[in-house]
Amino acid sequence: MVKYRKFQFGWVIVIIYLLVILWMTFAYIYQWGNNPIDTPGYIFFMVLLGGILLGFYGMTVIVTDRQIKIKLGIGLYTKKIDLSAIRSVNTLTYPFYCGFGIRIISNGLMFNVSGRHAVEIKFKNKKDVILIGTDDWEKLRDTIEKSIGY
């Protein structure tokens, strides 16, 4: 049974990638520079940037009876966390330069597409933590705490 479901659109990621795609398209059409991009190169970069955009345009967090599921973009990357493995849950604010997407932090991983607030999940048998960046951090934290009987 789903207890919590939230989708966040990654405005910063989408705007930056769309600007890069637009710039590369103009560079290709008008053949800018001394060594302009050729058709196979343009197609390669459009497929690459389009794939990255599809993979990270948003994030869905789902909390069920047994697990937390973090799905980025169209679901090419999905992380599942068993609720039975969670020791504690906390909220925190992190600096803007931590970035967006899947980030390696000093003591674990961070999943983020927008904002500066996160839910920190600590595990029973690991020192690593997982941060889930969200604009609905209080509700997510409360749902996880109720689900683990905290």
C-alpha atoms as a PDB file:
ATOM      1  CA  MET A   1       0.000   0.000   0.000  1.00  0.00           C
ATOM      2  CA  VAL A   2       1.340   3.436  -0.973  1.00  0.00           C
ATOM      3  CA  LYS A   3       1.564   5.810   1.988  1.00  0.00           C
ATOM      4  CA  TYR A   4       3.347   8.666   0.255  1.00  0.00           C
ATOM      5  CA  ARG A   5       3.962   9.632  -3.364  1.00  0.00           C
ATOM      6  CA  LYS A   6       5.521  12.882  -4.553  1.00  0.00           C
ATOM      7  CA  PHE A   7       6.864  13.950  -7.944  1.00  0.00           C
ATOM      8  CA  GLN A   8       9.240  16.908  -8.205  1.00  0.00           C
ATOM      9  CA  PHE A   9      10.081  18.553 -11.482  1.00  0.00           C
ATOM     10  CA  GLY A  10      13.753  19.536 -11.826  1.00  0.00           C
ATOM     11  CA  TRP A  11      13.435  23.067 -13.225  1.00  0.00           C
ATOM     12  CA  VAL A  12      17.137  23.880 -12.972  1.00  0.00           C
ATOM     13  CA  ILE A  13      18.244  20.681 -14.714  1.00  0.00           C
ATOM     14  CA  VAL A  14      15.662  21.034 -17.498  1.00  0.00           C
ATOM     15  CA  ILE A  15      16.382  24.708 -18.179  1.00  0.00           C
ATOM     16  CA  ILE A  16      20.157  24.195 -18.291  1.00  0.00           C
ATOM     17  CA  TYR A  17      19.930  21.195 -20.627  1.00  0.00           C
ATOM     18  CA  LEU A  18      17.391  22.899 -22.897  1.00  0.00           C
ATOM     19  CA  LEU A  19      19.671  25.943 -23.168  1.00  0.00           C
ATOM     20  CA  VAL A  20      22.641  23.712 -24.060  1.00  0.00           C
ATOM     21  CA  ILE A  21      20.539  21.836 -26.643  1.00  0.00           C
ATOM     22  CA  LEU A  22      19.338  25.143 -28.125  1.00  0.00           C
ATOM     23  CA  TRP A  23      22.881  26.549 -28.257  1.00  0.00           C
ATOM     24  CA  MET A  24      24.213  23.381 -29.932  1.00  0.00           C
ATOM     25  CA  THR A  25      21.365  23.439 -32.447  1.00  0.00           C
ATOM     26  CA  PHE A  26      22.175  27.034 -33.449  1.00  0.00           C
ATOM     27  CA  ALA A  27      25.892  26.158 -33.599  1.00  0.00           C
ATOM     28  CA  TYR A  28      25.053  23.261 -35.934  1.00  0.00           C
ATOM     29  CA  ILE A  29      22.609  25.173 -38.153  1.00  0.00           C
ATOM     30  CA  TYR A  30      24.833  28.244 -38.575  1.00  0.00           C
ATOM     31  CA  GLN A  31      28.120  26.275 -38.503  1.00  0.00           C
ATOM     32  CA  TRP A  32      29.735  28.502 -35.857  1.00  0.00           C
ATOM     33  CA  GLY A  33      33.484  28.399 -35.240  1.00  0.00           C
ATOM     34  CA  ASN A  34      36.601  27.327 -37.138  1.00  0.00           C
ATOM     35  CA  ASN A  35      35.768  23.627 -36.818  1.00  0.00           C
ATOM     36  CA  PRO A  36      31.947  23.415 -36.856  1.00  0.00           C
ATOM     37  CA  ILE A  37      30.082  20.361 -35.641  1.00  0.00           C
ATOM     38  CA  ASP A  38      29.175  17.799 -38.304  1.00  0.00           C
ATOM     39  CA  THR A  39      25.873  15.907 -38.612  1.00  0.00           C
ATOM     40  CA  PRO A  40      26.955  12.655 -36.865  1.00  0.00           C
ATOM     41  CA  GLY A  41      28.456  14.688 -34.007  1.00  0.00           C
ATOM     42  CA  TYR A  42      25.298  16.762 -33.673  1.00  0.00           C
ATOM     43  CA  ILE A  43      23.099  13.658 -33.631  1.00  0.00           C
ATOM     44  CA  PHE A  44      25.364  12.001 -31.050  1.00  0.00           C
ATOM     45  CA  PHE A  45      25.220  14.994 -28.694  1.00  0.00           C
ATOM     46  CA  MET A  46      21.457  15.440 -29.108  1.00  0.00           C
ATOM     47  CA  VAL A  47      20.857  11.782 -28.244  1.00  0.00           C
ATOM     48  CA  LEU A  48      23.261  12.023 -25.293  1.00  0.00           C
ATOM     49  CA  LEU A  49      21.799  15.244 -23.897  1.00  0.00           C
ATOM     50  CA  GLY A  50      18.231  14.082 -24.560  1.00  0.00           C
ATOM     51  CA  GLY A  51      18.924  10.827 -22.710  1.00  0.00           C
ATOM     52  CA  ILE A  52      20.372  12.666 -19.731  1.00  0.00           C
ATOM     53  CA  LEU A  53      17.380  15.005 -19.731  1.00  0.00           C
ATOM     54  CA  LEU A  54      14.947  12.060 -19.774  1.00  0.00           C
ATOM     55  CA  GLY A  55      16.899  10.426 -16.978  1.00  0.00           C
ATOM     56  CA  PHE A  56      16.953  13.409 -14.618  1.00  0.00           C
ATOM     57  CA  TYR A  57      14.028  15.735 -15.450  1.00  0.00           C
ATOM     58  CA  GLY A  58      12.270  14.883 -12.210  1.00  0.00           C
ATOM     59  CA  MET A  59      12.194  12.603  -9.198  1.00  0.00           C
ATOM     60  CA  THR A  60       9.407  10.507  -7.738  1.00  0.00           C
ATOM     61  CA  VAL A  61       9.579   9.331  -4.116  1.00  0.00           C
ATOM     62  CA  ILE A  62       7.203   6.550  -3.077  1.00  0.00           C
ATOM     63  CA  VAL A  63       6.871   5.172   0.451  1.00  0.00           C
ATOM     64  CA  THR A  64       5.007   1.872   0.830  1.00  0.00           C
ATOM     65  CA  ASP A  65       4.511  -0.520   3.734  1.00  0.00           C
ATOM     66  CA  ARG A  66       7.906  -2.134   3.130  1.00  0.00           C
ATOM     67  CA  GLN A  67      10.166   0.244   1.226  1.00  0.00           C
ATOM     68  CA  ILE A  68      11.082   3.668  -0.048  1.00  0.00           C
ATOM     69  CA  LYS A  69      11.453   3.908  -3.802  1.00  0.00           C
ATOM     70  CA  ILE A  70      13.314   6.800  -5.435  1.00  0.00           C
ATOM     71  CA  LYS A  71      12.817   7.008  -9.205  1.00  0.00           C
ATOM     72  CA  LEU A  72      14.686   9.561 -11.299  1.00  0.00           C
ATOM     73  CA  GLY A  73      13.265  10.714 -14.638  1.00  0.00           C
ATOM     74  CA  ILE A  74      11.616   7.969 -16.646  1.00  0.00           C
ATOM     75  CA  GLY A  75      12.954   5.353 -14.248  1.00  0.00           C
ATOM     76  CA  LEU A  76      16.323   4.475 -15.742  1.00  0.00           C
ATOM     77  CA  TYR A  77      17.680   4.770 -12.213  1.00  0.00           C
ATOM     78  CA  THR A  78      15.602   3.529  -9.293  1.00  0.00           C
ATOM     79  CA  LYS A  79      16.787   3.109  -5.704  1.00  0.00           C
ATOM     80  CA  LYS A  80      14.873   0.930  -3.253  1.00  0.00           C
ATOM     81  CA  ILE A  81      15.385   1.163   0.500  1.00  0.00           C
ATOM     82  CA  ASP A  82      13.910  -1.414   2.881  1.00  0.00           C
ATOM     83  CA  LEU A  83      12.177   0.254   5.810  1.00  0.00           C
ATOM     84  CA  SER A  84      13.438  -2.499   8.131  1.00  0.00           C
ATOM     85  CA  ALA A  85      17.046  -1.376   7.501  1.00  0.00           C
ATOM     86  CA  ILE A  86      16.444   2.222   8.631  1.00  0.00           C
ATOM     87  CA  ARG A  87      17.770   3.311  12.026  1.00  0.00           C
ATOM     88  CA  SER A  88      16.749   6.981  12.020  1.00  0.00           C
ATOM     89  CA  VAL A  89      15.336   9.779   9.884  1.00  0.00           C
ATOM     90  CA  ASN A  90      16.218  13.452  10.093  1.00  0.00           C
ATOM     91  CA  THR A  91      15.757  16.617   8.030  1.00  0.00           C
ATOM     92  CA  LEU A  92      18.483  19.048   7.059  1.00  0.00           C
ATOM     93  CA  THR A  93      19.302  21.980   4.833  1.00  0.00           C
ATOM     94  CA  TYR A  94      22.315  21.739   2.555  1.00  0.00           C
ATOM     95  CA  PRO A  95      24.212  24.402   0.572  1.00  0.00           C
ATOM     96  CA  PHE A  96      23.194  25.213  -3.015  1.00  0.00           C
ATOM     97  CA  TYR A  97      26.521  24.003  -4.408  1.00  0.00           C
ATOM     98  CA  CYS A  98      25.731  20.373  -3.515  1.00  0.00           C
ATOM     99  CA  GLY A  99      24.078  20.157  -6.929  1.00  0.00           C
ATOM    100  CA  PHE A 100      21.337  18.129  -8.537  1.00  0.00           C
ATOM    101  CA  GLY A 101      20.918  14.533  -9.675  1.00  0.00           C
ATOM    102  CA  ILE A 102      22.658  11.630  -7.954  1.00  0.00           C
ATOM    103  CA  ARG A 103      25.497  13.043  -5.871  1.00  0.00           C
ATOM    104  CA  ILE A 104      28.224  11.297  -3.919  1.00  0.00           C
ATOM    105  CA  ILE A 105      28.571  13.049  -0.574  1.00  0.00           C
ATOM    106  CA  SER A 106      31.126  12.487   2.170  1.00  0.00           C
ATOM    107  CA  ASN A 107      29.086   9.819   3.958  1.00  0.00           C
ATOM    108  CA  GLY A 108      26.757   8.405   1.302  1.00  0.00           C
ATOM    109  CA  LEU A 109      24.497   9.420  -1.596  1.00  0.00           C
ATOM    110  CA  MET A 110      22.161  12.309  -2.255  1.00  0.00           C
ATOM    111  CA  PHE A 111      19.222  12.259  -4.678  1.00  0.00           C
ATOM    112  CA  ASN A 112      18.019  15.739  -5.595  1.00  0.00           C
ATOM    113  CA  VAL A 113      16.337  17.582  -8.458  1.00  0.00           C
ATOM    114  CA  SER A 114      15.389  20.855  -6.767  1.00  0.00           C
ATOM    115  CA  GLY A 115      15.506  22.759  -3.515  1.00  0.00           C
ATOM    116  CA  ARG A 116      17.870  22.842  -0.555  1.00  0.00           C
ATOM    117  CA  HIS A 117      16.121  20.621   1.991  1.00  0.00           C
ATOM    118  CA  ALA A 118      16.542  16.893   2.409  1.00  0.00           C
ATOM    119  CA  VAL A 119      15.470  13.910   4.456  1.00  0.00           C
ATOM    120  CA  GLU A 120      18.508  12.086   5.829  1.00  0.00           C
ATOM    121  CA  ILE A 121      18.159   8.326   6.251  1.00  0.00           C
ATOM    122  CA  LYS A 122      20.616   6.479   8.503  1.00  0.00           C
ATOM    123  CA  PHE A 123      20.883   2.703   8.427  1.00  0.00           C
ATOM    124  CA  LYS A 124      21.230   0.094  11.177  1.00  0.00           C
ATOM    125  CA  ASN A 125      24.096  -1.905   9.652  1.00  0.00           C
ATOM    126  CA  LYS A 126      25.900   0.747   7.578  1.00  0.00           C
ATOM    127  CA  LYS A 127      27.651   4.023   8.206  1.00  0.00           C
ATOM    128  CA  ASP A 128      26.414   5.391   4.893  1.00  0.00           C
ATOM    129  CA  VAL A 129      23.439   7.719   4.702  1.00  0.00           C
ATOM    130  CA  ILE A 130      21.031   8.600   1.922  1.00  0.00           C
ATOM    131  CA  LEU A 131      19.715  12.114   1.452  1.00  0.00           C
ATOM    132  CA  ILE A 132      16.471  12.620  -0.440  1.00  0.00           C
ATOM    133  CA  GLY A 133      16.163  16.234  -1.558  1.00  0.00           C
ATOM    134  CA  THR A 134      12.556  17.356  -1.456  1.00  0.00           C
ATOM    135  CA  ASP A 135      10.348  20.385  -1.074  1.00  0.00           C
ATOM    136  CA  ASP A 136       7.987  18.330   1.111  1.00  0.00           C
ATOM    137  CA  TRP A 137      10.592  17.214   3.673  1.00  0.00           C
ATOM    138  CA  GLU A 138       8.424  17.333   6.804  1.00  0.00           C
ATOM    139  CA  LYS A 139       5.675  15.140   5.362  1.00  0.00           C
ATOM    140  CA  LEU A 140       8.196  12.665   3.923  1.00  0.00           C
ATOM    141  CA  ARG A 141      10.072  12.455   7.243  1.00  0.00           C
ATOM    142  CA  ASP A 142       6.825  11.967   9.198  1.00  0.00           C
ATOM    143  CA  THR A 143       5.630   9.251   6.803  1.00  0.00           C
ATOM    144  CA  ILE A 144       8.920   7.348   7.060  1.00  0.00           C
ATOM    145  CA  GLU A 145       8.970   7.678  10.860  1.00  0.00           C
ATOM    146  CA  LYS A 146       5.425   6.309  11.120  1.00  0.00           C
ATOM    147  CA  SER A 147       6.282   3.482   8.742  1.00  0.00           C
ATOM    148  CA  ILE A 148       9.333   2.355  10.750  1.00  0.00           C
ATOM    149  CA  GLY A 149       7.555   2.847  14.098  1.00  0.00           C
ATOM    150  CA  TYR A 150       9.946   5.580  15.222  1.00  0.00           C
END
